[in-house]
């Protein structure tokens, strides 16, 4: 599982990285480049919790976080925003909504939300839903 997380994060950041997009005044130590899930650093939500592996200030707005959602809940209603977004289901059963259609999916499934599409994700199972959220915010 950790190898998959590492691979996903590397692919996400490597495919969108170039010298012109990186902050020129920021240098990264080895320790900056390794983030391990830490229960002390989670952010509680009304439906579970989240953990930011990389927030929008880490590089140039690219982010990766893990959302954990209790059974039968969703983090919010379907919505849309200018940035596109990826979800990657780690554990549980997700109901994915995209522009009027829904599908239930399980672990190791990637879900893509194009820019300005109406989308949402909820826990359709009876165990916690854990998924990664990857997107790039404008700086």
N, C-alpha and C. Protein backbone atom coordinates (compact mmCIF):
# COMPACT_ATOMS: atom_id res chain seq x y z
N UNK A 1 0.83 -1.19 0.00
CA UNK A 1 0.00 0.00 0.00
C UNK A 1 0.87 1.25 0.00
N UNK A 2 1.88 1.31 0.86
CA UNK A 2 2.73 2.50 0.92
C UNK A 2 3.49 2.70 -0.38
N UNK A 3 3.87 1.60 -1.04
CA UNK A 3 4.54 1.73 -2.32
C UNK A 3 3.61 2.37 -3.35
N UNK A 4 2.34 2.00 -3.32
CA UNK A 4 1.37 2.58 -4.24
C UNK A 4 1.20 4.07 -3.96
N UNK A 5 1.09 4.43 -2.67
CA UNK A 5 0.96 5.85 -2.31
C UNK A 5 2.16 6.64 -2.79
N UNK A 6 3.34 6.10 -2.56
CA UNK A 6 4.56 6.79 -2.97
C UNK A 6 4.61 6.95 -4.48
N UNK A 7 4.26 5.90 -5.20
CA UNK A 7 4.27 5.94 -6.65
C UNK A 7 3.27 6.98 -7.17
N UNK A 8 2.07 6.98 -6.61
CA UNK A 8 1.06 7.96 -7.03
C UNK A 8 1.54 9.39 -6.80
N UNK A 9 2.06 9.64 -5.62
CA UNK A 9 2.54 10.98 -5.30
C UNK A 9 3.67 11.38 -6.24
N UNK A 10 4.60 10.48 -6.48
CA UNK A 10 5.72 10.79 -7.38
C UNK A 10 5.22 11.08 -8.79
N UNK A 11 4.31 10.25 -9.28
CA UNK A 11 3.77 10.48 -10.62
C UNK A 11 3.03 11.80 -10.69
N UNK A 12 2.24 12.09 -9.71
CA UNK A 12 1.47 13.34 -9.69
C UNK A 12 2.39 14.54 -9.72
N UNK A 13 3.38 14.54 -8.85
CA UNK A 13 4.27 15.69 -8.77
C UNK A 13 5.25 15.72 -9.94
N UNK A 14 5.74 14.60 -10.39
CA UNK A 14 6.72 14.58 -11.47
C UNK A 14 6.12 15.00 -12.80
N UNK A 15 4.87 14.62 -13.06
CA UNK A 15 4.27 14.95 -14.35
C UNK A 15 3.88 16.41 -14.46
N UNK A 16 3.82 17.12 -13.36
CA UNK A 16 3.42 18.52 -13.43
C UNK A 16 4.54 19.45 -12.99
N UNK A 17 5.73 18.91 -12.78
CA UNK A 17 6.84 19.72 -12.29
C UNK A 17 7.76 20.14 -13.43
N UNK A 18 8.14 21.38 -13.41
CA UNK A 18 9.21 21.86 -14.26
C UNK A 18 9.89 23.00 -13.51
N UNK A 19 11.09 23.33 -13.89
CA UNK A 19 11.85 24.34 -13.16
C UNK A 19 11.12 25.68 -13.14
N UNK A 20 10.41 26.01 -14.21
CA UNK A 20 9.74 27.31 -14.25
C UNK A 20 8.54 27.37 -13.33
N UNK A 21 8.00 26.25 -12.89
CA UNK A 21 6.83 26.25 -12.02
C UNK A 21 7.19 26.13 -10.54
N UNK A 22 8.39 25.78 -10.24
CA UNK A 22 8.79 25.61 -8.85
C UNK A 22 9.18 26.95 -8.25
N UNK A 23 8.87 27.16 -6.99
CA UNK A 23 9.29 28.40 -6.34
C UNK A 23 10.81 28.51 -6.39
N UNK A 24 11.31 29.63 -6.90
CA UNK A 24 12.75 29.80 -7.09
C UNK A 24 13.51 29.94 -5.77
N UNK A 25 12.85 30.46 -4.75
CA UNK A 25 13.55 30.73 -3.50
C UNK A 25 13.40 29.61 -2.48
N UNK A 26 12.76 28.53 -2.85
CA UNK A 26 12.55 27.46 -1.89
C UNK A 26 13.49 26.30 -2.18
N UNK A 27 14.16 25.85 -1.14
CA UNK A 27 14.98 24.64 -1.26
C UNK A 27 14.35 23.59 -0.36
N UNK A 28 14.50 22.36 -0.74
CA UNK A 28 13.88 21.25 -0.03
C UNK A 28 14.95 20.34 0.55
N UNK A 29 14.80 20.03 1.81
CA UNK A 29 15.69 19.05 2.43
C UNK A 29 15.11 17.66 2.18
N UNK A 30 15.89 16.66 2.43
CA UNK A 30 15.40 15.30 2.30
C UNK A 30 14.17 15.10 3.20
N UNK A 31 14.24 15.61 4.44
CA UNK A 31 13.13 15.46 5.37
C UNK A 31 11.86 16.16 4.87
N UNK A 32 12.01 17.28 4.14
CA UNK A 32 10.85 17.96 3.56
C UNK A 32 10.15 17.06 2.54
N UNK A 33 10.89 16.20 1.90
CA UNK A 33 10.38 15.40 0.79
C UNK A 33 9.77 14.07 1.21
N UNK A 34 9.75 13.78 2.50
CA UNK A 34 9.19 12.54 3.01
C UNK A 34 8.13 12.89 4.05
N UNK A 35 6.88 12.52 3.77
CA UNK A 35 5.80 12.78 4.71
C UNK A 35 5.12 11.46 5.05
N UNK A 36 5.10 11.13 6.32
CA UNK A 36 4.49 9.90 6.81
C UNK A 36 3.20 10.25 7.54
N UNK A 37 2.19 9.47 7.30
CA UNK A 37 0.90 9.66 7.98
C UNK A 37 1.13 9.71 9.49
N UNK A 38 0.56 10.73 10.13
CA UNK A 38 0.76 10.94 11.55
C UNK A 38 -0.59 11.25 12.20
N UNK A 39 -1.06 10.39 13.09
CA UNK A 39 -2.37 10.60 13.71
C UNK A 39 -2.41 11.88 14.54
N UNK A 40 -1.26 12.38 14.95
CA UNK A 40 -1.21 13.63 15.71
C UNK A 40 -1.47 14.84 14.82
N UNK A 41 -1.30 14.68 13.51
CA UNK A 41 -1.44 15.81 12.59
C UNK A 41 -2.72 15.76 11.76
N UNK A 42 -3.62 14.82 12.06
CA UNK A 42 -4.86 14.76 11.29
C UNK A 42 -5.75 15.95 11.63
N UNK A 43 -6.61 16.29 10.70
CA UNK A 43 -7.60 17.33 10.92
C UNK A 43 -8.97 16.65 10.97
N UNK A 44 -9.62 16.72 12.10
CA UNK A 44 -10.95 16.12 12.25
C UNK A 44 -11.94 16.88 11.38
N UNK A 45 -12.89 16.14 10.81
CA UNK A 45 -13.99 16.73 10.06
C UNK A 45 -15.29 16.22 10.67
N UNK A 46 -16.41 16.70 10.19
CA UNK A 46 -17.71 16.25 10.70
C UNK A 46 -18.00 14.81 10.32
N UNK A 47 -17.30 14.30 9.31
CA UNK A 47 -17.59 12.94 8.82
C UNK A 47 -16.40 11.99 8.92
N UNK A 48 -15.32 12.41 9.56
CA UNK A 48 -14.12 11.58 9.68
C UNK A 48 -12.91 12.44 9.95
N UNK A 49 -11.89 12.33 9.07
CA UNK A 49 -10.72 13.19 9.20
C UNK A 49 -9.97 13.26 7.88
N UNK A 50 -8.99 14.16 7.84
CA UNK A 50 -8.12 14.28 6.67
C UNK A 50 -6.69 14.51 7.12
N UNK A 51 -5.77 14.15 6.23
CA UNK A 51 -4.35 14.34 6.50
C UNK A 51 -3.70 14.87 5.23
N UNK A 52 -3.04 16.01 5.33
CA UNK A 52 -2.37 16.62 4.18
C UNK A 52 -0.94 16.08 4.08
N UNK A 53 -0.64 15.37 3.00
CA UNK A 53 0.73 14.95 2.72
C UNK A 53 1.50 16.13 2.12
N UNK A 54 0.81 16.94 1.31
CA UNK A 54 1.39 18.16 0.74
C UNK A 54 0.25 19.16 0.58
N UNK A 55 0.35 20.29 1.28
CA UNK A 55 -0.69 21.31 1.14
C UNK A 55 -0.31 22.27 0.03
N UNK A 56 -1.18 23.24 -0.28
CA UNK A 56 -0.97 24.10 -1.44
C UNK A 56 0.24 25.02 -1.30
N UNK A 57 0.80 25.15 -0.11
CA UNK A 57 2.00 25.96 0.07
C UNK A 57 3.30 25.16 -0.04
N UNK A 58 3.19 23.84 -0.18
CA UNK A 58 4.40 23.01 -0.22
C UNK A 58 5.21 23.26 -1.49
N UNK A 59 4.56 23.24 -2.64
CA UNK A 59 5.26 23.53 -3.90
C UNK A 59 4.59 24.71 -4.57
N UNK A 60 3.98 24.46 -5.69
CA UNK A 60 3.36 25.54 -6.47
C UNK A 60 1.84 25.38 -6.52
N UNK A 61 1.25 24.91 -5.45
CA UNK A 61 -0.20 24.75 -5.40
C UNK A 61 -0.67 23.33 -5.56
N UNK A 62 0.23 22.41 -5.94
CA UNK A 62 -0.15 21.00 -6.05
C UNK A 62 -0.32 20.42 -4.66
N UNK A 63 -1.37 19.64 -4.48
CA UNK A 63 -1.68 19.09 -3.17
C UNK A 63 -1.96 17.60 -3.25
N UNK A 64 -1.76 16.96 -2.11
CA UNK A 64 -2.18 15.56 -1.95
C UNK A 64 -2.59 15.39 -0.49
N UNK A 65 -3.81 14.90 -0.31
CA UNK A 65 -4.30 14.64 1.04
C UNK A 65 -5.06 13.33 1.04
N UNK A 66 -5.18 12.76 2.23
CA UNK A 66 -6.00 11.58 2.40
C UNK A 66 -7.25 12.00 3.17
N UNK A 67 -8.40 11.62 2.64
CA UNK A 67 -9.66 11.83 3.34
C UNK A 67 -10.16 10.49 3.86
N UNK A 68 -10.65 10.49 5.08
CA UNK A 68 -11.24 9.30 5.70
C UNK A 68 -12.67 9.67 6.05
N UNK A 69 -13.63 8.89 5.53
CA UNK A 69 -15.04 9.22 5.66
C UNK A 69 -15.77 8.04 6.30
N UNK A 70 -16.59 8.35 7.30
CA UNK A 70 -17.38 7.33 8.00
C UNK A 70 -18.44 6.73 7.07
N UNK A 71 -18.89 5.50 7.37
CA UNK A 71 -19.92 4.84 6.55
C UNK A 71 -21.16 5.71 6.38
N UNK A 72 -21.68 5.74 5.14
CA UNK A 72 -22.90 6.47 4.84
C UNK A 72 -22.76 7.98 4.77
N UNK A 73 -21.55 8.50 4.84
CA UNK A 73 -21.33 9.95 4.87
C UNK A 73 -20.57 10.41 3.63
N UNK A 74 -20.57 11.71 3.43
CA UNK A 74 -19.75 12.32 2.39
C UNK A 74 -19.17 13.62 2.94
N UNK A 75 -18.05 14.03 2.40
CA UNK A 75 -17.41 15.24 2.92
C UNK A 75 -18.21 16.49 2.60
N UNK A 76 -18.90 16.49 1.48
CA UNK A 76 -19.76 17.61 1.09
C UNK A 76 -20.61 17.19 -0.09
N UNK A 77 -21.60 17.98 -0.39
CA UNK A 77 -22.47 17.71 -1.53
C UNK A 77 -21.69 17.88 -2.83
N UNK A 78 -22.19 17.31 -3.94
CA UNK A 78 -21.51 17.54 -5.22
C UNK A 78 -21.31 19.04 -5.46
N UNK A 79 -20.18 19.35 -6.04
CA UNK A 79 -19.78 20.74 -6.26
C UNK A 79 -18.88 20.82 -7.49
N UNK A 80 -18.46 22.01 -7.82
CA UNK A 80 -17.53 22.18 -8.93
C UNK A 80 -16.56 23.31 -8.60
N UNK A 81 -15.40 23.28 -9.25
CA UNK A 81 -14.39 24.31 -9.08
C UNK A 81 -13.50 24.33 -10.31
N UNK A 82 -12.74 25.41 -10.49
CA UNK A 82 -11.93 25.56 -11.71
C UNK A 82 -10.83 24.50 -11.86
N UNK A 83 -10.23 24.05 -10.77
CA UNK A 83 -9.13 23.09 -10.90
C UNK A 83 -9.69 21.67 -11.07
N UNK A 84 -9.00 20.91 -11.91
CA UNK A 84 -9.38 19.50 -12.01
C UNK A 84 -8.86 18.78 -10.78
N UNK A 85 -9.29 17.52 -10.61
CA UNK A 85 -9.00 16.82 -9.36
C UNK A 85 -9.00 15.32 -9.61
N UNK A 86 -8.11 14.62 -8.91
CA UNK A 86 -8.08 13.17 -8.93
C UNK A 86 -8.43 12.64 -7.55
N UNK A 87 -9.19 11.55 -7.50
CA UNK A 87 -9.38 10.77 -6.28
C UNK A 87 -8.76 9.40 -6.54
N UNK A 88 -8.18 8.81 -5.51
CA UNK A 88 -7.69 7.43 -5.62
C UNK A 88 -8.14 6.70 -4.38
N UNK A 89 -9.02 5.69 -4.57
CA UNK A 89 -9.59 4.95 -3.45
C UNK A 89 -8.56 3.96 -2.90
N UNK A 90 -8.31 4.07 -1.61
CA UNK A 90 -7.37 3.18 -0.92
C UNK A 90 -8.10 2.03 -0.25
N UNK A 91 -9.18 2.36 0.48
CA UNK A 91 -9.94 1.34 1.23
C UNK A 91 -11.41 1.72 1.22
N UNK A 92 -12.27 0.72 1.26
CA UNK A 92 -13.70 0.96 1.36
C UNK A 92 -14.39 1.00 0.01
N UNK A 93 -15.66 1.42 0.04
CA UNK A 93 -16.48 1.51 -1.16
C UNK A 93 -16.93 2.96 -1.34
N UNK A 94 -16.62 3.51 -2.49
CA UNK A 94 -16.97 4.90 -2.79
C UNK A 94 -18.08 4.95 -3.82
N UNK A 95 -18.98 5.91 -3.61
CA UNK A 95 -19.92 6.25 -4.67
C UNK A 95 -19.40 7.55 -5.27
N UNK A 96 -19.10 7.51 -6.55
CA UNK A 96 -18.54 8.65 -7.26
C UNK A 96 -19.63 9.25 -8.14
N UNK A 97 -19.81 10.56 -8.00
CA UNK A 97 -20.79 11.30 -8.79
C UNK A 97 -20.04 12.21 -9.74
N UNK A 98 -20.39 12.17 -11.02
CA UNK A 98 -19.78 13.06 -12.01
C UNK A 98 -20.81 13.45 -13.05
N UNK A 99 -21.17 14.73 -13.05
CA UNK A 99 -22.08 15.29 -14.04
C UNK A 99 -23.34 14.45 -14.26
N UNK A 100 -24.00 14.09 -13.16
CA UNK A 100 -25.29 13.41 -13.25
C UNK A 100 -25.25 11.89 -13.25
N UNK A 101 -24.06 11.32 -13.30
CA UNK A 101 -23.93 9.86 -13.29
C UNK A 101 -23.22 9.43 -12.01
N UNK A 102 -23.52 8.21 -11.53
CA UNK A 102 -22.83 7.68 -10.36
C UNK A 102 -22.36 6.26 -10.63
N UNK A 103 -21.33 5.89 -9.88
CA UNK A 103 -20.81 4.53 -9.95
C UNK A 103 -20.24 4.20 -8.57
N UNK A 104 -20.36 2.94 -8.17
CA UNK A 104 -19.70 2.47 -6.94
C UNK A 104 -18.41 1.78 -7.33
N UNK A 105 -17.34 2.11 -6.59
CA UNK A 105 -16.03 1.54 -6.88
C UNK A 105 -15.35 1.14 -5.58
N UNK A 106 -14.36 0.27 -5.70
CA UNK A 106 -13.61 -0.19 -4.55
C UNK A 106 -12.17 0.27 -4.60
N UNK A 107 -11.34 -0.35 -3.75
CA UNK A 107 -9.93 0.04 -3.64
C UNK A 107 -9.18 -0.04 -4.97
N UNK A 108 -8.16 0.78 -5.05
CA UNK A 108 -7.25 0.87 -6.19
C UNK A 108 -7.97 1.33 -7.45
N UNK A 109 -8.91 2.25 -7.27
CA UNK A 109 -9.62 2.85 -8.39
C UNK A 109 -9.31 4.33 -8.42
N UNK A 110 -8.99 4.82 -9.60
CA UNK A 110 -8.74 6.24 -9.82
C UNK A 110 -9.99 6.89 -10.38
N UNK A 111 -10.30 8.08 -9.90
CA UNK A 111 -11.47 8.82 -10.35
C UNK A 111 -11.01 10.23 -10.73
N UNK A 112 -11.38 10.68 -11.90
CA UNK A 112 -10.94 11.99 -12.38
C UNK A 112 -12.12 12.94 -12.50
N UNK A 113 -11.94 14.16 -12.02
CA UNK A 113 -12.95 15.20 -12.07
C UNK A 113 -12.40 16.33 -12.94
N UNK A 114 -12.85 16.44 -14.20
CA UNK A 114 -12.36 17.53 -15.04
C UNK A 114 -12.72 18.91 -14.48
N UNK A 115 -12.01 19.90 -14.89
CA UNK A 115 -12.25 21.27 -14.47
C UNK A 115 -13.72 21.65 -14.66
N UNK A 116 -14.30 22.28 -13.64
CA UNK A 116 -15.67 22.79 -13.65
C UNK A 116 -16.75 21.72 -13.80
N UNK A 117 -16.41 20.45 -13.62
CA UNK A 117 -17.44 19.40 -13.65
C UNK A 117 -18.10 19.32 -12.27
N UNK A 118 -19.36 18.95 -12.25
CA UNK A 118 -20.07 18.74 -10.99
C UNK A 118 -19.68 17.34 -10.51
N UNK A 119 -19.09 17.26 -9.31
CA UNK A 119 -18.58 15.97 -8.84
C UNK A 119 -18.70 15.84 -7.33
N UNK A 120 -18.62 14.62 -6.86
CA UNK A 120 -18.64 14.34 -5.43
C UNK A 120 -18.29 12.89 -5.17
N UNK A 121 -17.95 12.61 -3.94
CA UNK A 121 -17.60 11.25 -3.54
C UNK A 121 -18.18 11.02 -2.15
N UNK A 122 -18.74 9.84 -1.93
CA UNK A 122 -19.30 9.51 -0.62
C UNK A 122 -19.01 8.06 -0.29
N UNK A 123 -19.16 7.73 0.99
CA UNK A 123 -18.90 6.38 1.46
C UNK A 123 -20.17 5.55 1.30
N UNK A 124 -20.13 4.58 0.39
CA UNK A 124 -21.28 3.72 0.12
C UNK A 124 -21.18 2.39 0.85
N UNK A 125 -20.17 2.23 1.70
CA UNK A 125 -19.95 0.96 2.37
C UNK A 125 -20.25 1.01 3.85
N UNK A 126 -19.88 -0.08 4.54
CA UNK A 126 -20.11 -0.16 5.98
C UNK A 126 -18.81 -0.10 6.79
N UNK A 127 -17.72 0.30 6.13
CA UNK A 127 -16.44 0.55 6.79
C UNK A 127 -15.95 1.93 6.36
N UNK A 128 -14.88 2.40 6.98
CA UNK A 128 -14.33 3.70 6.59
C UNK A 128 -13.94 3.70 5.11
N UNK A 129 -14.15 4.82 4.46
CA UNK A 129 -13.66 5.05 3.11
C UNK A 129 -12.40 5.90 3.23
N UNK A 130 -11.31 5.43 2.63
CA UNK A 130 -10.06 6.18 2.62
C UNK A 130 -9.68 6.41 1.17
N UNK A 131 -9.44 7.67 0.84
CA UNK A 131 -9.04 7.98 -0.53
C UNK A 131 -8.11 9.19 -0.55
N UNK A 132 -7.28 9.22 -1.58
CA UNK A 132 -6.39 10.35 -1.80
C UNK A 132 -7.08 11.37 -2.69
N UNK A 133 -6.79 12.64 -2.44
CA UNK A 133 -7.28 13.73 -3.26
C UNK A 133 -6.05 14.48 -3.77
N UNK A 134 -5.94 14.62 -5.09
CA UNK A 134 -4.81 15.31 -5.68
C UNK A 134 -5.33 16.39 -6.61
N UNK A 135 -4.86 17.62 -6.39
CA UNK A 135 -5.24 18.73 -7.27
C UNK A 135 -4.20 19.84 -7.17
N UNK A 136 -4.33 20.80 -8.06
CA UNK A 136 -3.42 21.94 -8.08
C UNK A 136 -4.24 23.22 -7.97
N UNK A 137 -3.97 23.98 -6.91
CA UNK A 137 -4.61 25.27 -6.72
C UNK A 137 -3.81 26.35 -7.41
N UNK A 138 -4.49 27.34 -7.95
CA UNK A 138 -3.79 28.48 -8.54
C UNK A 138 -3.12 29.27 -7.43
N UNK A 139 -1.94 29.76 -7.68
CA UNK A 139 -1.19 30.55 -6.69
C UNK A 139 -1.39 32.03 -6.91
